[in-house]
Amino acid sequence: HGREGPPALMAPRGAEILVDTGPLVALFDRLEARHAEMVDWFAGQRGRLVTVEAVWVELSYVLPARLRGGIASLAAGGIPEVRSLGRSGYARMAELFRKYSD
């Protein structure tokens, strides 16, 4: 699509790709400026897409209501895999917050 800048990074087949809210919004919402770029990027990935519940909740909040049912169906099908942090995840988060609090 004529975009400038460095080539998009592609993960090796089978690698986990942690996806945040911004790229997902651009992927699902055709009105977003970077929609075409994200469609191409996601289509080229050969790794497993992974995100966390907080990202999925935020995505559900910021996307137009007309798109929410579709993303819920995708998550139900495991695309992307939506993970819960669980107690150990939150414990690790607390540890990292304390470590990098300065």
PDB file of N, CA and C in Angstrom:
ATOM      1  N   HIS A   1       0.803  -1.198   0.000  1.00  0.00           N
ATOM      2  CA  HIS A   1       0.000   0.000   0.000  1.00  0.00           C
ATOM      3  C   HIS A   1       0.849   1.266   0.000  1.00  0.00           C
ATOM      4  N   GLY A   2       2.076   1.127  -0.431  1.00  0.00           N
ATOM      5  CA  GLY A   2       2.920   2.286  -0.575  1.00  0.00           C
ATOM      6  C   GLY A   2       3.367   2.905   0.735  1.00  0.00           C
ATOM      7  N   ARG A   3       3.344   2.154   1.797  1.00  0.00           N
ATOM      8  CA  ARG A   3       3.750   2.718   3.077  1.00  0.00           C
ATOM      9  C   ARG A   3       5.260   2.807   3.122  1.00  0.00           C
ATOM     10  N   GLU A   4       5.746   3.831   3.801  1.00  0.00           N
ATOM     11  CA  GLU A   4       7.186   4.028   3.904  1.00  0.00           C
ATOM     12  C   GLU A   4       7.669   3.574   5.261  1.00  0.00           C
ATOM     13  N   GLY A   5       8.978   3.359   5.364  1.00  0.00           N
ATOM     14  CA  GLY A   5       9.549   2.957   6.628  1.00  0.00           C
ATOM     15  C   GLY A   5      10.092   1.550   6.550  1.00  0.00           C
ATOM     16  N   PRO A   6      10.566   1.033   7.685  1.00  0.00           N
ATOM     17  CA  PRO A   6      11.178  -0.296   7.692  1.00  0.00           C
ATOM     18  C   PRO A   6      10.134  -1.368   7.395  1.00  0.00           C
ATOM     19  N   PRO A   7      10.586  -2.502   6.855  1.00  0.00           N
ATOM     20  CA  PRO A   7       9.641  -3.579   6.582  1.00  0.00           C
ATOM     21  C   PRO A   7       9.032  -4.099   7.885  1.00  0.00           C
ATOM     22  N   ALA A   8       7.800  -4.564   7.801  1.00  0.00           N
ATOM     23  CA  ALA A   8       7.122  -5.092   8.979  1.00  0.00           C
ATOM     24  C   ALA A   8       7.824  -6.352   9.451  1.00  0.00           C
ATOM     25  N   LEU A   9       7.905  -6.508  10.743  1.00  0.00           N
ATOM     26  CA  LEU A   9       8.512  -7.703  11.308  1.00  0.00           C
ATOM     27  C   LEU A   9       7.547  -8.872  11.199  1.00  0.00           C
ATOM     28  N   MET A  10       8.060 -10.008  10.801  1.00  0.00           N
ATOM     29  CA  MET A  10       7.255 -11.211  10.711  1.00  0.00           C
ATOM     30  C   MET A  10       7.825 -12.234  11.689  1.00  0.00           C
ATOM     31  N   ALA A  11       6.960 -12.778  12.493  1.00  0.00           N
ATOM     32  CA  ALA A  11       7.385 -13.780  13.467  1.00  0.00           C
ATOM     33  C   ALA A  11       7.565 -15.119  12.769  1.00  0.00           C
ATOM     34  N   PRO A  12       8.474 -15.936  13.269  1.00  0.00           N
ATOM     35  CA  PRO A  12       8.629 -17.273  12.695  1.00  0.00           C
ATOM     36  C   PRO A  12       7.380 -18.119  12.925  1.00  0.00           C
ATOM     37  N   ARG A  13       7.168 -19.070  12.067  1.00  0.00           N
ATOM     38  CA  ARG A  13       6.015 -19.966  12.173  1.00  0.00           C
ATOM     39  C   ARG A  13       5.967 -20.585  13.572  1.00  0.00           C
ATOM     40  N   GLY A  14       4.799 -20.528  14.198  1.00  0.00           N
ATOM     41  CA  GLY A  14       4.598 -21.131  15.512  1.00  0.00           C
ATOM     42  C   GLY A  14       4.939 -20.227  16.686  1.00  0.00           C
ATOM     43  N   ALA A  15       5.622 -19.106  16.427  1.00  0.00           N
ATOM     44  CA  ALA A  15       5.967 -18.187  17.519  1.00  0.00           C
ATOM     45  C   ALA A  15       4.699 -17.522  18.045  1.00  0.00           C
ATOM     46  N   GLU A  16       4.732 -17.118  19.300  1.00  0.00           N
ATOM     47  CA  GLU A  16       3.609 -16.367  19.860  1.00  0.00           C
ATOM     48  C   GLU A  16       3.815 -14.887  19.598  1.00  0.00           C
ATOM     49  N   ILE A  17       2.761 -14.227  19.142  1.00  0.00           N
ATOM     50  CA  ILE A  17       2.805 -12.803  18.847  1.00  0.00           C
ATOM     51  C   ILE A  17       1.845 -12.117  19.806  1.00  0.00           C
ATOM     52  N   LEU A  18       2.382 -11.349  20.727  1.00  0.00           N
ATOM     53  CA  LEU A  18       1.565 -10.628  21.697  1.00  0.00           C
ATOM     54  C   LEU A  18       1.023  -9.370  21.033  1.00  0.00           C
ATOM     55  N   VAL A  19      -0.307  -9.259  20.978  1.00  0.00           N
ATOM     56  CA  VAL A  19      -0.951  -8.164  20.268  1.00  0.00           C
ATOM     57  C   VAL A  19      -1.649  -7.230  21.247  1.00  0.00           C
ATOM     58  N   ASP A  20      -1.397  -5.925  21.085  1.00  0.00           N
ATOM     59  CA  ASP A  20      -2.006  -4.906  21.934  1.00  0.00           C
ATOM     60  C   ASP A  20      -3.231  -4.309  21.233  1.00  0.00           C
ATOM     61  N   THR A  21      -3.893  -3.406  21.908  1.00  0.00           N
ATOM     62  CA  THR A  21      -5.164  -2.858  21.451  1.00  0.00           C
ATOM     63  C   THR A  21      -5.070  -2.103  20.126  1.00  0.00           C
ATOM     64  N   GLY A  22      -4.094  -1.222  19.968  1.00  0.00           N
ATOM     65  CA  GLY A  22      -4.013  -0.367  18.787  1.00  0.00           C
ATOM     66  C   GLY A  22      -4.046  -1.114  17.468  1.00  0.00           C
ATOM     67  N   PRO A  23      -3.165  -2.089  17.269  1.00  0.00           N
ATOM     68  CA  PRO A  23      -3.205  -2.836  16.012  1.00  0.00           C
ATOM     69  C   PRO A  23      -4.525  -3.583  15.795  1.00  0.00           C
ATOM     70  N   LEU A  24      -5.131  -4.068  16.867  1.00  0.00           N
ATOM     71  CA  LEU A  24      -6.409  -4.774  16.735  1.00  0.00           C
ATOM     72  C   LEU A  24      -7.529  -3.822  16.320  1.00  0.00           C
ATOM     73  N   VAL A  25      -7.542  -2.622  16.881  1.00  0.00           N
ATOM     74  CA  VAL A  25      -8.547  -1.627  16.484  1.00  0.00           C
ATOM     75  C   VAL A  25      -8.388  -1.325  14.996  1.00  0.00           C
ATOM     76  N   ALA A  26      -7.149  -1.074  14.570  1.00  0.00           N
ATOM     77  CA  ALA A  26      -6.910  -0.767  13.156  1.00  0.00           C
ATOM     78  C   ALA A  26      -7.266  -1.946  12.257  1.00  0.00           C
ATOM     79  N   LEU A  27      -7.061  -3.153  12.722  1.00  0.00           N
ATOM     80  CA  LEU A  27      -7.409  -4.333  11.937  1.00  0.00           C
ATOM     81  C   LEU A  27      -8.918  -4.450  11.742  1.00  0.00           C
ATOM     82  N   PHE A  28      -9.681  -4.294  12.800  1.00  0.00           N
ATOM     83  CA  PHE A  28     -11.112  -4.543  12.749  1.00  0.00           C
ATOM     84  C   PHE A  28     -11.940  -3.376  12.233  1.00  0.00           C
ATOM     85  N   ASP A  29     -11.448  -2.156  12.377  1.00  0.00           N
ATOM     86  CA  ASP A  29     -12.238  -0.982  11.995  1.00  0.00           C
ATOM     87  C   ASP A  29     -11.713  -0.393  10.685  1.00  0.00           C
ATOM     88  N   ARG A  30     -12.452  -0.583   9.608  1.00  0.00           N
ATOM     89  CA  ARG A  30     -12.040  -0.100   8.280  1.00  0.00           C
ATOM     90  C   ARG A  30     -11.874   1.408   8.219  1.00  0.00           C
ATOM     91  N   LEU A  31     -12.424   2.127   9.170  1.00  0.00           N
ATOM     92  CA  LEU A  31     -12.312   3.581   9.172  1.00  0.00           C
ATOM     93  C   LEU A  31     -11.003   4.072   9.788  1.00  0.00           C
ATOM     94  N   GLU A  32     -10.243   3.181  10.397  1.00  0.00           N
ATOM     95  CA  GLU A  32      -8.964   3.560  11.003  1.00  0.00           C
ATOM     96  C   GLU A  32      -7.916   3.824   9.918  1.00  0.00           C
ATOM     97  N   ALA A  33      -7.070   4.826  10.145  1.00  0.00           N
ATOM     98  CA  ALA A  33      -6.066   5.235   9.161  1.00  0.00           C
ATOM     99  C   ALA A  33      -5.114   4.102   8.771  1.00  0.00           C
ATOM    100  N   ARG A  34      -4.764   3.242   9.704  1.00  0.00           N
ATOM    101  CA  ARG A  34      -3.780   2.186   9.426  1.00  0.00           C
ATOM    102  C   ARG A  34      -4.438   0.829   9.157  1.00  0.00           C
ATOM    103  N   HIS A  35      -5.712   0.839   8.824  1.00  0.00           N
ATOM    104  CA  HIS A  35      -6.438  -0.411   8.604  1.00  0.00           C
ATOM    105  C   HIS A  35      -5.763  -1.299   7.552  1.00  0.00           C
ATOM    106  N   ALA A  36      -5.503  -0.774   6.374  1.00  0.00           N
ATOM    107  CA  ALA A  36      -4.920  -1.577   5.296  1.00  0.00           C
ATOM    108  C   ALA A  36      -3.559  -2.145   5.694  1.00  0.00           C
ATOM    109  N   GLU A  37      -2.767  -1.341   6.361  1.00  0.00           N
ATOM    110  CA  GLU A  37      -1.446  -1.788   6.822  1.00  0.00           C
ATOM    111  C   GLU A  37      -1.580  -2.957   7.791  1.00  0.00           C
ATOM    112  N   MET A  38      -2.525  -2.861   8.722  1.00  0.00           N
ATOM    113  CA  MET A  38      -2.709  -3.929   9.705  1.00  0.00           C
ATOM    114  C   MET A  38      -3.299  -5.188   9.074  1.00  0.00           C
ATOM    115  N   VAL A  39      -4.180  -5.032   8.098  1.00  0.00           N
ATOM    116  CA  VAL A  39      -4.709  -6.197   7.383  1.00  0.00           C
ATOM    117  C   VAL A  39      -3.550  -6.953   6.740  1.00  0.00           C
ATOM    118  N   ASP A  40      -2.664  -6.223   6.062  1.00  0.00           N
ATOM    119  CA  ASP A  40      -1.510  -6.862   5.423  1.00  0.00           C
ATOM    120  C   ASP A  40      -0.590  -7.505   6.454  1.00  0.00           C
ATOM    121  N   TRP A  41      -0.331  -6.805   7.545  1.00  0.00           N
ATOM    122  CA  TRP A  41       0.583  -7.322   8.566  1.00  0.00           C
ATOM    123  C   TRP A  41       0.038  -8.602   9.189  1.00  0.00           C
ATOM    124  N   PHE A  42      -1.225  -8.567   9.616  1.00  0.00           N
ATOM    125  CA  PHE A  42      -1.810  -9.755  10.242  1.00  0.00           C
ATOM    126  C   PHE A  42      -1.887 -10.910   9.245  1.00  0.00           C
ATOM    127  N   ALA A  43      -2.201 -10.625   7.988  1.00  0.00           N
ATOM    128  CA  ALA A  43      -2.289 -11.683   6.976  1.00  0.00           C
ATOM    129  C   ALA A  43      -0.950 -12.365   6.752  1.00  0.00           C
ATOM    130  N   GLY A  44       0.137 -11.630   6.941  1.00  0.00           N
ATOM    131  CA  GLY A  44       1.469 -12.186   6.726  1.00  0.00           C
ATOM    132  C   GLY A  44       2.047 -12.933   7.904  1.00  0.00           C
ATOM    133  N   GLN A  45       1.404 -12.848   9.039  1.00  0.00           N
ATOM    134  CA  GLN A  45       1.938 -13.494  10.233  1.00  0.00           C
ATOM    135  C   GLN A  45       1.722 -15.002  10.187  1.00  0.00           C
ATOM    136  N   ARG A  46       2.708 -15.746  10.633  1.00  0.00           N
ATOM    137  CA  ARG A  46       2.617 -17.198  10.690  1.00  0.00           C
ATOM    138  C   ARG A  46       2.675 -17.713  12.126  1.00  0.00           C
ATOM    139  N   GLY A  47       2.758 -16.778  13.053  1.00  0.00           N
ATOM    140  CA  GLY A  47       2.779 -17.153  14.462  1.00  0.00           C
ATOM    141  C   GLY A  47       1.370 -17.207  15.027  1.00  0.00           C
ATOM    142  N   ARG A  48       1.281 -17.559  16.309  1.00  0.00           N
ATOM    143  CA  ARG A  48      -0.003 -17.606  17.017  1.00  0.00           C
ATOM    144  C   ARG A  48      -0.257 -16.245  17.655  1.00  0.00           C
ATOM    145  N   LEU A  49      -1.408 -15.661  17.366  1.00  0.00           N
ATOM    146  CA  LEU A  49      -1.766 -14.379  17.946  1.00  0.00           C
ATOM    147  C   LEU A  49      -2.274 -14.591  19.362  1.00  0.00           C
ATOM    148  N   VAL A  50      -1.720 -13.820  20.289  1.00  0.00           N
ATOM    149  CA  VAL A  50      -2.058 -13.936  21.702  1.00  0.00           C
ATOM    150  C   VAL A  50      -2.299 -12.544  22.252  1.00  0.00           C
ATOM    151  N   THR A  51      -3.281 -12.402  23.110  1.00  0.00           N
ATOM    152  CA  THR A  51      -3.494 -11.153  23.826  1.00  0.00           C
ATOM    153  C   THR A  51      -4.006 -11.497  25.222  1.00  0.00           C
ATOM    154  N   VAL A  52      -4.275 -10.491  26.007  1.00  0.00           N
ATOM    155  CA  VAL A  52      -4.767 -10.711  27.370  1.00  0.00           C
ATOM    156  C   VAL A  52      -6.162 -10.123  27.506  1.00  0.00           C
ATOM    157  N   GLU A  53      -6.864 -10.559  28.533  1.00  0.00           N
ATOM    158  CA  GLU A  53      -8.246 -10.120  28.729  1.00  0.00           C
ATOM    159  C   GLU A  53      -8.387  -8.607  28.778  1.00  0.00           C
ATOM    160  N   ALA A  54      -7.449  -7.927  29.405  1.00  0.00           N
ATOM    161  CA  ALA A  54      -7.543  -6.463  29.512  1.00  0.00           C
ATOM    162  C   ALA A  54      -7.555  -5.814  28.134  1.00  0.00           C
ATOM    163  N   VAL A  55      -6.756  -6.322  27.210  1.00  0.00           N
ATOM    164  CA  VAL A  55      -6.741  -5.792  25.845  1.00  0.00           C
ATOM    165  C   VAL A  55      -8.080  -6.066  25.175  1.00  0.00           C
ATOM    166  N   TRP A  56      -8.622  -7.259  25.361  1.00  0.00           N
ATOM    167  CA  TRP A  56      -9.889  -7.598  24.718  1.00  0.00           C
ATOM    168  C   TRP A  56     -11.040  -6.748  25.260  1.00  0.00           C
ATOM    169  N   VAL A  57     -11.008  -6.470  26.566  1.00  0.00           N
ATOM    170  CA  VAL A  57     -12.027  -5.600  27.156  1.00  0.00           C
ATOM    171  C   VAL A  57     -11.898  -4.187  26.586  1.00  0.00           C
ATOM    172  N   GLU A  58     -10.676  -3.679  26.514  1.00  0.00           N
ATOM    173  CA  GLU A  58     -10.458  -2.342  25.955  1.00  0.00           C
ATOM    174  C   GLU A  58     -10.897  -2.292  24.488  1.00  0.00           C
ATOM    175  N   LEU A  59     -10.562  -3.321  23.732  1.00  0.00           N
ATOM    176  CA  LEU A  59     -10.955  -3.396  22.332  1.00  0.00           C
ATOM    177  C   LEU A  59     -12.476  -3.358  22.195  1.00  0.00           C
ATOM    178  N   SER A  60     -13.158  -4.100  23.036  1.00  0.00           N
ATOM    179  CA  SER A  60     -14.624  -4.126  23.012  1.00  0.00           C
ATOM    180  C   SER A  60     -15.215  -2.764  23.339  1.00  0.00           C
ATOM    181  N   TYR A  61     -14.511  -2.006  24.148  1.00  0.00           N
ATOM    182  CA  TYR A  61     -14.985  -0.675  24.537  1.00  0.00           C
ATOM    183  C   TYR A  61     -14.785   0.338  23.407  1.00  0.00           C
ATOM    184  N   VAL A  62     -13.625   0.302  22.757  1.00  0.00           N
ATOM    185  CA  VAL A  62     -13.309   1.346  21.779  1.00  0.00           C
ATOM    186  C   VAL A  62     -13.858   1.074  20.378  1.00  0.00           C
ATOM    187  N   LEU A  63     -14.127  -0.173  20.059  1.00  0.00           N
ATOM    188  CA  LEU A  63     -14.676  -0.463  18.727  1.00  0.00           C
ATOM    189  C   LEU A  63     -16.143  -0.080  18.655  1.00  0.00           C
ATOM    190  N   PRO A  64     -16.616   0.288  17.473  1.00  0.00           N
ATOM    191  CA  PRO A  64     -18.046   0.565  17.309  1.00  0.00           C
ATOM    192  C   PRO A  64     -18.876  -0.671  17.667  1.00  0.00           C
ATOM    193  N   ALA A  65     -20.064  -0.448  18.173  1.00  0.00           N
ATOM    194  CA  ALA A  65     -20.939  -1.538  18.608  1.00  0.00           C
ATOM    195  C   ALA A  65     -21.170  -2.552  17.497  1.00  0.00           C
ATOM    196  N   ARG A  66     -21.205  -2.111  16.250  1.00  0.00           N
ATOM    197  CA  ARG A  66     -21.473  -3.017  15.136  1.00  0.00           C
ATOM    198  C   ARG A  66     -20.391  -4.080  14.958  1.00  0.00           C
ATOM    199  N   LEU A  67     -19.204  -3.880  15.534  1.00  0.00           N
ATOM    200  CA  LEU A  67     -18.093  -4.816  15.378  1.00  0.00           C
ATOM    201  C   LEU A  67     -17.917  -5.749  16.578  1.00  0.00           C
ATOM    202  N   ARG A  68     -18.562  -5.465  17.674  1.00  0.00           N
ATOM    203  CA  ARG A  68     -18.309  -6.206  18.921  1.00  0.00           C
ATOM    204  C   ARG A  68     -18.702  -7.673  18.854  1.00  0.00           C
ATOM    205  N   GLY A  69     -19.813  -7.986  18.221  1.00  0.00           N
ATOM    206  CA  GLY A  69     -20.225  -9.386  18.112  1.00  0.00           C
ATOM    207  C   GLY A  69     -19.219 -10.209  17.336  1.00  0.00           C
ATOM    208  N   GLY A  70     -18.682  -9.623  16.291  1.00  0.00           N
ATOM    209  CA  GLY A  70     -17.693 -10.324  15.470  1.00  0.00           C
ATOM    210  C   GLY A  70     -16.412 -10.615  16.215  1.00  0.00           C
ATOM    211  N   ILE A  71     -15.933  -9.653  17.001  1.00  0.00           N
ATOM    212  CA  ILE A  71     -14.687  -9.911  17.728  1.00  0.00           C
ATOM    213  C   ILE A  71     -14.913 -10.916  18.852  1.00  0.00           C
ATOM    214  N   ALA A  72     -16.106 -10.898  19.447  1.00  0.00           N
ATOM    215  CA  ALA A  72     -16.400 -11.891  20.481  1.00  0.00           C
ATOM    216  C   ALA A  72     -16.417 -13.289  19.874  1.00  0.00           C
ATOM    217  N   SER A  73     -16.955 -13.419  18.669  1.00  0.00           N
ATOM    218  CA  SER A  73     -16.970 -14.714  17.989  1.00  0.00           C
ATOM    219  C   SER A  73     -15.552 -15.190  17.677  1.00  0.00           C
ATOM    220  N   LEU A  74     -14.705 -14.274  17.252  1.00  0.00           N
ATOM    221  CA  LEU A  74     -13.315 -14.651  16.985  1.00  0.00           C
ATOM    222  C   LEU A  74     -12.631 -15.161  18.250  1.00  0.00           C
ATOM    223  N   ALA A  75     -12.805 -14.432  19.347  1.00  0.00           N
ATOM    224  CA  ALA A  75     -12.186 -14.844  20.608  1.00  0.00           C
ATOM    225  C   ALA A  75     -12.712 -16.204  21.050  1.00  0.00           C
ATOM    226  N   ALA A  76     -14.004 -16.435  20.850  1.00  0.00           N
ATOM    227  CA  ALA A  76     -14.584 -17.731  21.207  1.00  0.00           C
ATOM    228  C   ALA A  76     -13.951 -18.854  20.390  1.00  0.00           C
ATOM    229  N   GLY A  77     -13.514 -18.529  19.177  1.00  0.00           N
ATOM    230  CA  GLY A  77     -12.852 -19.506  18.326  1.00  0.00           C
ATOM    231  C   GLY A  77     -11.348 -19.588  18.516  1.00  0.00           C
ATOM    232  N   GLY A  78     -10.818 -18.778  19.434  1.00  0.00           N
ATOM    233  CA  GLY A  78      -9.384 -18.840  19.729  1.00  0.00           C
ATOM    234  C   GLY A  78      -8.500 -17.980  18.848  1.00  0.00           C
ATOM    235  N   ILE A  79      -9.092 -17.024  18.132  1.00  0.00           N
ATOM    236  CA  ILE A  79      -8.302 -16.130  17.281  1.00  0.00           C
ATOM    237  C   ILE A  79      -8.599 -14.692  17.676  1.00  0.00           C
ATOM    238  N   PRO A  80      -7.717 -14.036  18.372  1.00  0.00           N
ATOM    239  CA  PRO A  80      -6.495 -14.555  18.953  1.00  0.00           C
ATOM    240  C   PRO A  80      -6.796 -15.345  20.219  1.00  0.00           C
ATOM    241  N   GLU A  81      -5.791 -15.979  20.725  1.00  0.00           N
ATOM    242  CA  GLU A  81      -5.936 -16.646  22.019  1.00  0.00           C
ATOM    243  C   GLU A  81      -5.944 -15.555  23.087  1.00  0.00           C
ATOM    244  N   VAL A  82      -7.019 -15.453  23.834  1.00  0.00           N
ATOM    245  CA  VAL A  82      -7.144 -14.431  24.880  1.00  0.00           C
ATOM    246  C   VAL A  82      -6.812 -15.098  26.207  1.00  0.00           C
ATOM    247  N   ARG A  83      -5.730 -14.666  26.816  1.00  0.00           N
ATOM    248  CA  ARG A  83      -5.250 -15.288  28.051  1.00  0.00           C
ATOM    249  C   ARG A  83      -5.596 -14.461  29.272  1.00  0.00           C
ATOM    250  N   SER A  84      -5.807 -15.162  30.346  1.00  0.00           N
ATOM    251  CA  SER A  84      -5.985 -14.545  31.651  1.00  0.00           C
ATOM    252  C   SER A  84      -4.636 -14.538  32.350  1.00  0.00           C
ATOM    253  N   LEU A  85      -4.354 -13.466  33.064  1.00  0.00           N
ATOM    254  CA  LEU A  85      -3.082 -13.417  33.778  1.00  0.00           C
ATOM    255  C   LEU A  85      -3.055 -14.372  34.957  1.00  0.00           C
ATOM    256  N   GLY A  86      -4.176 -14.578  35.591  1.00  0.00           N
ATOM    257  CA  GLY A  86      -4.206 -15.456  36.754  1.00  0.00           C
ATOM    258  C   GLY A  86      -3.436 -14.864  37.919  1.00  0.00           C
ATOM    259  N   ARG A  87      -3.487 -15.556  39.020  1.00  0.00           N
ATOM    260  CA  ARG A  87      -2.829 -15.047  40.235  1.00  0.00           C
ATOM    261  C   ARG A  87      -1.332 -14.899  40.057  1.00  0.00           C
ATOM    262  N   SER A  88      -0.692 -15.877  39.438  1.00  0.00           N
ATOM    263  CA  SER A  88       0.766 -15.793  39.269  1.00  0.00           C
ATOM    264  C   SER A  88       1.143 -14.653  38.326  1.00  0.00           C
ATOM    265  N   GLY A  89       0.309 -14.397  37.335  1.00  0.00           N
ATOM    266  CA  GLY A  89       0.577 -13.292  36.423  1.00  0.00           C
ATOM    267  C   GLY A  89       0.501 -11.948  37.121  1.00  0.00           C
ATOM    268  N   TYR A  90      -0.514 -11.789  37.959  1.00  0.00           N
ATOM    269  CA  TYR A  90      -0.638 -10.539  38.709  1.00  0.00           C
ATOM    270  C   TYR A  90       0.474 -10.392  39.743  1.00  0.00           C
ATOM    271  N   ALA A  91       0.914 -11.508  40.321  1.00  0.00           N
ATOM    272  CA  ALA A  91       2.037 -11.457  41.259  1.00  0.00           C
ATOM    273  C   ALA A  91       3.301 -10.987  40.538  1.00  0.00           C
ATOM    274  N   ARG A  92       3.521 -11.504  39.339  1.00  0.00           N
ATOM    275  CA  ARG A  92       4.686 -11.085  38.558  1.00  0.00           C
ATOM    276  C   ARG A  92       4.562  -9.618  38.164  1.00  0.00           C
ATOM    277  N   MET A  93       3.362  -9.183  37.831  1.00  0.00           N
ATOM    278  CA  MET A  93       3.130  -7.787  37.493  1.00  0.00           C
ATOM    279  C   MET A  93       3.479  -6.893  38.683  1.00  0.00           C
ATOM    280  N   ALA A  94       3.037  -7.267  39.873  1.00  0.00           N
ATOM    281  CA  ALA A  94       3.337  -6.489  41.078  1.00  0.00           C
ATOM    282  C   ALA A  94       4.839  -6.421  41.311  1.00  0.00           C
ATOM    283  N   GLU A  95       5.502  -7.540  41.083  1.00  0.00           N
ATOM    284  CA  GLU A  95       6.961  -7.579  41.246  1.00  0.00           C
ATOM    285  C   GLU A  95       7.648  -6.609  40.266  1.00  0.00           C
ATOM    286  N   LEU A  96       7.209  -6.618  39.035  1.00  0.00           N
ATOM    287  CA  LEU A  96       7.806  -5.726  38.036  1.00  0.00           C
ATOM    288  C   LEU A  96       7.480  -4.250  38.304  1.00  0.00           C
ATOM    289  N   PHE A  97       6.262  -3.975  38.762  1.00  0.00           N
ATOM    290  CA  PHE A  97       5.909  -2.590  39.120  1.00  0.00           C
ATOM    291  C   PHE A  97       6.815  -2.091  40.243  1.00  0.00           C
ATOM    292  N   ARG A  98       7.032  -2.935  41.244  1.00  0.00           N
ATOM    293  CA  ARG A  98       7.926  -2.511  42.352  1.00  0.00           C
ATOM    294  C   ARG A  98       9.345  -2.311  41.837  1.00  0.00           C
ATOM    295  N   LYS A  99       9.831  -3.214  41.025  1.00  0.00           N
ATOM    296  CA  LYS A  99      11.206  -3.151  40.524  1.00  0.00           C
ATOM    297  C   LYS A  99      11.436  -1.881  39.715  1.00  0.00           C
ATOM    298  N   TYR A 100      10.485  -1.498  38.881  1.00  0.00           N
ATOM    299  CA  TYR A 100      10.670  -0.380  37.976  1.00  0.00           C
ATOM    300  C   TYR A 100       9.888   0.869  38.393  1.00  0.00           C
ATOM    301  N   SER A 101       9.621   1.008  39.678  1.00  0.00           N
ATOM    302  CA  SER A 101       8.807   2.126  40.168  1.00  0.00           C
ATOM    303  C   SER A 101       9.528   3.469  40.128  1.00  0.00           C
ATOM    304  N   ASP A 102      10.825   3.442  39.990  1.00  0.00           N
ATOM    305  CA  ASP A 102      11.570   4.709  39.955  1.00  0.00           C
ATOM    306  C   ASP A 102      11.558   5.239  38.573  1.00  0.00           C
TER     307      ASP A 102
END
